[in-house]
Amino acid sequence: MCAAPAAASARDEATDGPAVSPIPAELEERFERLYGEHFAFVWRTLRRWGLGHDCLDDAVQDVFVVALRRGKEFRGHSSYRTWLFGIASNVAREYRRKAQRATAFEPIADPHDARAPNPFDALTKAEAVGFLDEFLKTLDDSRRAVFVLAELEQMPAPEISEALGVKLNTVYSRLRSARQAFVSMMRGRLMEVP
């Protein structure tokens, strides 16, 4: 079961607190564009941070609620993806903490994916996704974030540095370490094959 952290209290405050002022049309249009362009990225980010399917919808909503609430703070010093990654990371961390599931991850594979052309391809894909999920579980949060952003989201190192608030050399160091761990795990898996 997935716990809904801060969003529940924010909803309670919204019903008990002062009347909510309407959103300016300009802000609403910018928000809709942001949502349309970055929904999939936020969803993948939250999923890769280990959130299960049972709470992904709520977590994505929480990310965009925070983005809407803090939209005026965004100055354009980084990309929206970088900014949303930071928000999504915090939301995911809070969900995991509240649900006490820091080490329990669900597989990334979607059991309802009917687009696979044949059973062999479906099995190969499921095994690859399972391996990736298993590998991501072995990484600490700092290396996982760098690996996901660099290898899976194809984000450049300077942007990762900005998103995570760490030095560029630290990004390269964590990425090198994560890649070495990936290769090592892959070699170990290949040695198991008869």
C-alpha atoms as a PDB file:
ATOM      1  CA  MET A   1       0.000   0.000   0.000  1.00  0.00           C
ATOM      2  CA  CYS A   2       1.283   3.420  -0.878  1.00  0.00           C
ATOM      3  CA  ALA A   3       1.105   6.329   1.527  1.00  0.00           C
ATOM      4  CA  ALA A   4       0.179   9.767   0.280  1.00  0.00           C
ATOM      5  CA  PRO A   5       2.432  12.179   2.141  1.00  0.00           C
ATOM      6  CA  ALA A   6       2.076  15.918   2.063  1.00  0.00           C
ATOM      7  CA  ALA A   7      -0.645  16.021  -0.577  1.00  0.00           C
ATOM      8  CA  ALA A   8      -3.291  14.765   1.844  1.00  0.00           C
ATOM      9  CA  SER A   9      -2.618  17.554   4.312  1.00  0.00           C
ATOM     10  CA  ALA A  10      -2.566  20.091   1.491  1.00  0.00           C
ATOM     11  CA  ARG A  11      -5.986  18.849   0.379  1.00  0.00           C
ATOM     12  CA  ASP A  12      -7.288  19.142   3.929  1.00  0.00           C
ATOM     13  CA  GLU A  13      -5.992  22.688   4.167  1.00  0.00           C
ATOM     14  CA  ALA A  14      -7.554  23.547   0.830  1.00  0.00           C
ATOM     15  CA  THR A  15     -11.013  22.497   2.021  1.00  0.00           C
ATOM     16  CA  ASP A  16     -10.717  24.021   5.488  1.00  0.00           C
ATOM     17  CA  GLY A  17      -8.620  27.071   4.632  1.00  0.00           C
ATOM     18  CA  PRO A  18      -9.312  30.270   2.778  1.00  0.00           C
ATOM     19  CA  ALA A  19     -10.882  30.244  -0.666  1.00  0.00           C
ATOM     20  CA  VAL A  20      -8.459  29.383  -3.445  1.00  0.00           C
ATOM     21  CA  SER A  21      -7.913  32.191  -5.924  1.00  0.00           C
ATOM     22  CA  PRO A  22      -8.332  31.360  -9.608  1.00  0.00           C
ATOM     23  CA  ILE A  23      -5.205  30.533 -11.575  1.00  0.00           C
ATOM     24  CA  PRO A  24      -4.233  33.247 -14.079  1.00  0.00           C
ATOM     25  CA  ALA A  25      -4.785  32.132 -17.678  1.00  0.00           C
ATOM     26  CA  GLU A  26      -1.103  32.668 -18.547  1.00  0.00           C
ATOM     27  CA  LEU A  27       0.040  30.425 -15.677  1.00  0.00           C
ATOM     28  CA  GLU A  28      -2.575  27.812 -16.518  1.00  0.00           C
ATOM     29  CA  GLU A  29      -1.452  27.707 -20.162  1.00  0.00           C
ATOM     30  CA  ARG A  30       2.219  27.399 -19.153  1.00  0.00           C
ATOM     31  CA  PHE A  31       1.342  24.653 -16.676  1.00  0.00           C
ATOM     32  CA  GLU A  32      -0.661  22.678 -19.265  1.00  0.00           C
ATOM     33  CA  ARG A  33       2.264  22.895 -21.693  1.00  0.00           C
ATOM     34  CA  LEU A  34       4.687  21.785 -18.948  1.00  0.00           C
ATOM     35  CA  TYR A  35       2.419  18.887 -18.026  1.00  0.00           C
ATOM     36  CA  GLY A  36       1.941  17.782 -21.621  1.00  0.00           C
ATOM     37  CA  GLU A  37       5.637  17.895 -22.450  1.00  0.00           C
ATOM     38  CA  HIS A  38       7.025  16.366 -19.261  1.00  0.00           C
ATOM     39  CA  PHE A  39       4.392  13.960 -17.920  1.00  0.00           C
ATOM     40  CA  ALA A  40       6.162  10.863 -19.295  1.00  0.00           C
ATOM     41  CA  PHE A  41       9.543  12.023 -17.962  1.00  0.00           C
ATOM     42  CA  VAL A  42       8.109  12.608 -14.463  1.00  0.00           C
ATOM     43  CA  TRP A  43       6.307   9.254 -14.527  1.00  0.00           C
ATOM     44  CA  ARG A  44       9.493   7.409 -15.544  1.00  0.00           C
ATOM     45  CA  THR A  45      11.538   9.284 -12.947  1.00  0.00           C
ATOM     46  CA  LEU A  46       9.146   8.359 -10.154  1.00  0.00           C
ATOM     47  CA  ARG A  47       8.993   4.764 -11.342  1.00  0.00           C
ATOM     48  CA  ARG A  48      12.765   4.513 -11.440  1.00  0.00           C
ATOM     49  CA  TRP A  49      12.950   5.913  -7.926  1.00  0.00           C
ATOM     50  CA  GLY A  50      11.095   2.755  -6.912  1.00  0.00           C
ATOM     51  CA  LEU A  51       7.480   3.861  -6.601  1.00  0.00           C
ATOM     52  CA  GLY A  52       4.936   1.152  -7.327  1.00  0.00           C
ATOM     53  CA  HIS A  53       2.062   1.352  -9.778  1.00  0.00           C
ATOM     54  CA  ASP A  54      -0.359   1.779  -6.872  1.00  0.00           C
ATOM     55  CA  CYS A  55       0.924   5.270  -6.058  1.00  0.00           C
ATOM     56  CA  LEU A  56       2.390   6.557  -9.328  1.00  0.00           C
ATOM     57  CA  ASP A  57      -0.694   8.546 -10.321  1.00  0.00           C
ATOM     58  CA  ASP A  58      -0.799  10.303  -6.958  1.00  0.00           C
ATOM     59  CA  ALA A  59       2.930  10.956  -6.972  1.00  0.00           C
ATOM     60  CA  VAL A  60       2.856  12.418 -10.508  1.00  0.00           C
ATOM     61  CA  GLN A  61      -0.015  14.642  -9.441  1.00  0.00           C
ATOM     62  CA  ASP A  62       1.959  15.754  -6.376  1.00  0.00           C
ATOM     63  CA  VAL A  63       4.957  16.644  -8.548  1.00  0.00           C
ATOM     64  CA  PHE A  64       2.859  18.842 -10.787  1.00  0.00           C
ATOM     65  CA  VAL A  65       1.001  20.376  -7.836  1.00  0.00           C
ATOM     66  CA  VAL A  66       4.367  21.398  -6.383  1.00  0.00           C
ATOM     67  CA  ALA A  67       5.457  22.671  -9.817  1.00  0.00           C
ATOM     68  CA  LEU A  68       2.292  24.740 -10.094  1.00  0.00           C
ATOM     69  CA  ARG A  69       2.644  26.082  -6.566  1.00  0.00           C
ATOM     70  CA  ARG A  70       6.321  26.935  -7.043  1.00  0.00           C
ATOM     71  CA  GLY A  71       6.078  27.943 -10.709  1.00  0.00           C
ATOM     72  CA  LYS A  72       6.912  31.567 -10.000  1.00  0.00           C
ATOM     73  CA  GLU A  73      10.202  30.469  -8.397  1.00  0.00           C
ATOM     74  CA  PHE A  74      11.460  28.915 -11.641  1.00  0.00           C
ATOM     75  CA  ARG A  75      13.852  31.439 -13.175  1.00  0.00           C
ATOM     76  CA  GLY A  76      15.055  29.457 -16.172  1.00  0.00           C
ATOM     77  CA  HIS A  77      18.595  28.897 -14.854  1.00  0.00           C
ATOM     78  CA  SER A  78      18.093  25.214 -15.631  1.00  0.00           C
ATOM     79  CA  SER A  79      15.773  23.254 -17.888  1.00  0.00           C
ATOM     80  CA  TYR A  80      12.261  22.276 -16.839  1.00  0.00           C
ATOM     81  CA  ARG A  81      13.369  18.633 -16.876  1.00  0.00           C
ATOM     82  CA  THR A  82      16.106  19.393 -14.356  1.00  0.00           C
ATOM     83  CA  TRP A  83      13.695  21.323 -12.153  1.00  0.00           C
ATOM     84  CA  LEU A  84      11.005  18.631 -12.368  1.00  0.00           C
ATOM     85  CA  PHE A  85      13.567  15.909 -11.677  1.00  0.00           C
ATOM     86  CA  GLY A  86      14.452  17.599  -8.401  1.00  0.00           C
ATOM     87  CA  ILE A  87      10.804  17.884  -7.420  1.00  0.00           C
ATOM     88  CA  ALA A  88      10.091  14.281  -8.464  1.00  0.00           C
ATOM     89  CA  SER A  89      13.081  13.020  -6.495  1.00  0.00           C
ATOM     90  CA  ASN A  90      11.830  14.733  -3.354  1.00  0.00           C
ATOM     91  CA  VAL A  91       8.281  13.456  -3.855  1.00  0.00           C
ATOM     92  CA  ALA A  92       9.527   9.899  -4.469  1.00  0.00           C
ATOM     93  CA  ARG A  93      11.767  10.041  -1.418  1.00  0.00           C
ATOM     94  CA  GLU A  94       8.830  11.192   0.699  1.00  0.00           C
ATOM     95  CA  TYR A  95       6.533   8.464  -0.634  1.00  0.00           C
ATOM     96  CA  ARG A  96       9.152   5.800   0.001  1.00  0.00           C
ATOM     97  CA  ARG A  97       9.835   7.113   3.479  1.00  0.00           C
ATOM     98  CA  LYS A  98       6.169   7.282   4.390  1.00  0.00           C
ATOM     99  CA  ALA A  99       5.444   3.839   2.978  1.00  0.00           C
ATOM    100  CA  GLN A 100       8.567   2.411   4.657  1.00  0.00           C
ATOM    101  CA  ARG A 101       9.501   0.798   1.390  1.00  0.00           C
ATOM    102  CA  ALA A 102      13.032   2.143   0.950  1.00  0.00           C
ATOM    103  CA  THR A 103      14.330  -1.269  -0.072  1.00  0.00           C
ATOM    104  CA  ALA A 104      11.224  -2.880  -1.576  1.00  0.00           C
ATOM    105  CA  PHE A 105      10.848  -2.142  -5.268  1.00  0.00           C
ATOM    106  CA  GLU A 106       8.424  -3.549  -7.766  1.00  0.00           C
ATOM    107  CA  PRO A 107       9.556  -4.610 -11.218  1.00  0.00           C
ATOM    108  CA  ILE A 108       9.523  -1.860 -13.836  1.00  0.00           C
ATOM    109  CA  ALA A 109       7.832  -4.077 -16.429  1.00  0.00           C
ATOM    110  CA  ASP A 110       4.199  -3.300 -17.160  1.00  0.00           C
ATOM    111  CA  PRO A 111       2.240  -6.583 -17.115  1.00  0.00           C
ATOM    112  CA  HIS A 112      -0.372  -5.125 -19.486  1.00  0.00           C
ATOM    113  CA  ASP A 113       2.004  -4.293 -22.322  1.00  0.00           C
ATOM    114  CA  ALA A 114       0.317  -5.878 -25.338  1.00  0.00           C
ATOM    115  CA  ARG A 115       2.511  -4.247 -27.957  1.00  0.00           C
ATOM    116  CA  ALA A 116       5.192  -6.938 -27.933  1.00  0.00           C
ATOM    117  CA  PRO A 117       5.441  -8.424 -31.434  1.00  0.00           C
ATOM    118  CA  ASN A 118       6.015 -12.000 -30.243  1.00  0.00           C
ATOM    119  CA  PRO A 119       6.506 -13.990 -27.015  1.00  0.00           C
ATOM    120  CA  PHE A 120      10.287 -14.239 -27.406  1.00  0.00           C
ATOM    121  CA  ASP A 121      10.669 -10.458 -27.742  1.00  0.00           C
ATOM    122  CA  ALA A 122       8.314  -9.953 -24.813  1.00  0.00           C
ATOM    123  CA  LEU A 123      10.355 -12.356 -22.673  1.00  0.00           C
ATOM    124  CA  THR A 124      13.650 -10.753 -23.717  1.00  0.00           C
ATOM    125  CA  LYS A 125      12.327  -7.299 -22.906  1.00  0.00           C
ATOM    126  CA  ALA A 126      10.919  -8.450 -19.557  1.00  0.00           C
ATOM    127  CA  GLU A 127      14.240 -10.040 -18.624  1.00  0.00           C
ATOM    128  CA  ALA A 128      16.153  -6.891 -19.593  1.00  0.00           C
ATOM    129  CA  VAL A 129      13.790  -4.664 -17.626  1.00  0.00           C
ATOM    130  CA  GLY A 130      13.956  -7.079 -14.695  1.00  0.00           C
ATOM    131  CA  PHE A 131      17.739  -7.012 -14.809  1.00  0.00           C
ATOM    132  CA  LEU A 132      17.739  -3.211 -14.914  1.00  0.00           C
ATOM    133  CA  ASP A 133      15.309  -3.069 -11.988  1.00  0.00           C
ATOM    134  CA  GLU A 134      17.444  -5.526 -10.041  1.00  0.00           C
ATOM    135  CA  PHE A 135      20.565  -3.491 -10.819  1.00  0.00           C
ATOM    136  CA  LEU A 136      18.964  -0.190  -9.771  1.00  0.00           C
ATOM    137  CA  LYS A 137      18.104  -1.766  -6.403  1.00  0.00           C
ATOM    138  CA  THR A 138      21.810  -2.360  -5.757  1.00  0.00           C
ATOM    139  CA  LEU A 139      22.737   1.314  -6.179  1.00  0.00           C
ATOM    140  CA  ASP A 140      22.564   3.925  -3.463  1.00  0.00           C
ATOM    141  CA  ASP A 141      20.341   6.918  -4.214  1.00  0.00           C
ATOM    142  CA  SER A 142      23.189   9.162  -5.343  1.00  0.00           C
ATOM    143  CA  ARG A 143      24.568   6.721  -7.926  1.00  0.00           C
ATOM    144  CA  ARG A 144      21.068   5.640  -9.002  1.00  0.00           C
ATOM    145  CA  ALA A 145      20.088   9.231  -9.765  1.00  0.00           C
ATOM    146  CA  VAL A 146      23.183   9.836 -11.883  1.00  0.00           C
ATOM    147  CA  PHE A 147      22.862   6.498 -13.714  1.00  0.00           C
ATOM    148  CA  VAL A 148      19.167   6.988 -14.491  1.00  0.00           C
ATOM    149  CA  LEU A 149      19.627  10.545 -15.724  1.00  0.00           C
ATOM    150  CA  ALA A 150      22.726   9.814 -17.800  1.00  0.00           C
ATOM    151  CA  GLU A 151      22.020   6.369 -19.220  1.00  0.00           C
ATOM    152  CA  LEU A 152      18.246   6.139 -19.325  1.00  0.00           C
ATOM    153  CA  GLU A 153      17.200   9.772 -19.781  1.00  0.00           C
ATOM    154  CA  GLN A 154      20.293  10.748 -21.822  1.00  0.00           C
ATOM    155  CA  MET A 155      20.738  13.953 -19.815  1.00  0.00           C
ATOM    156  CA  PRO A 156      24.160  15.646 -20.200  1.00  0.00           C
ATOM    157  CA  ALA A 157      26.487  15.644 -17.187  1.00  0.00           C
ATOM    158  CA  PRO A 158      26.379  19.426 -16.593  1.00  0.00           C
ATOM    159  CA  GLU A 159      22.597  19.298 -16.420  1.00  0.00           C
ATOM    160  CA  ILE A 160      22.773  16.325 -14.019  1.00  0.00           C
ATOM    161  CA  SER A 161      25.202  18.293 -11.880  1.00  0.00           C
ATOM    162  CA  GLU A 162      22.733  21.139 -11.683  1.00  0.00           C
ATOM    163  CA  ALA A 163      19.730  18.855 -11.063  1.00  0.00           C
ATOM    164  CA  LEU A 164      21.423  17.071  -8.182  1.00  0.00           C
ATOM    165  CA  GLY A 165      23.308  20.046  -6.791  1.00  0.00           C
ATOM    166  CA  VAL A 166      26.689  18.325  -6.932  1.00  0.00           C
ATOM    167  CA  LYS A 167      29.965  19.138  -8.659  1.00  0.00           C
ATOM    168  CA  LEU A 168      30.483  17.989 -12.225  1.00  0.00           C
ATOM    169  CA  ASN A 169      33.420  15.774 -11.232  1.00  0.00           C
ATOM    170  CA  THR A 170      31.183  14.092  -8.646  1.00  0.00           C
ATOM    171  CA  VAL A 171      28.679  13.303 -11.403  1.00  0.00           C
ATOM    172  CA  TYR A 172      31.402  11.733 -13.534  1.00  0.00           C
ATOM    173  CA  SER A 173      32.739   9.773 -10.571  1.00  0.00           C
ATOM    174  CA  ARG A 174      29.305   8.410  -9.600  1.00  0.00           C
ATOM    175  CA  LEU A 175      28.495   7.574 -13.205  1.00  0.00           C
ATOM    176  CA  ARG A 176      31.791   5.728 -13.679  1.00  0.00           C
ATOM    177  CA  SER A 177      31.175   3.779 -10.457  1.00  0.00           C
ATOM    178  CA  ALA A 178      27.596   2.903 -11.472  1.00  0.00           C
ATOM    179  CA  ARG A 179      28.701   1.810 -14.938  1.00  0.00           C
ATOM    180  CA  GLN A 180      31.412  -0.404 -13.453  1.00  0.00           C
ATOM    181  CA  ALA A 181      28.847  -1.967 -11.126  1.00  0.00           C
ATOM    182  CA  PHE A 182      26.513  -2.535 -14.108  1.00  0.00           C
ATOM    183  CA  VAL A 183      29.241  -4.235 -16.157  1.00  0.00           C
ATOM    184  CA  SER A 184      30.270  -6.327 -13.164  1.00  0.00           C
ATOM    185  CA  MET A 185      26.697  -7.462 -12.546  1.00  0.00           C
ATOM    186  CA  MET A 186      26.226  -8.189 -16.246  1.00  0.00           C
ATOM    187  CA  ARG A 187      29.397 -10.304 -16.344  1.00  0.00           C
ATOM    188  CA  GLY A 188      28.221 -12.178 -13.258  1.00  0.00           C
ATOM    189  CA  ARG A 189      24.889 -12.858 -14.938  1.00  0.00           C
ATOM    190  CA  LEU A 190      26.576 -14.068 -18.132  1.00  0.00           C
ATOM    191  CA  MET A 191      28.719 -16.465 -16.103  1.00  0.00           C
ATOM    192  CA  GLU A 192      25.504 -18.046 -14.761  1.00  0.00           C
ATOM    193  CA  VAL A 193      24.221 -18.876 -18.261  1.00  0.00           C
ATOM    194  CA  PRO A 194      24.845 -22.563 -19.064  1.00  0.00           C
END
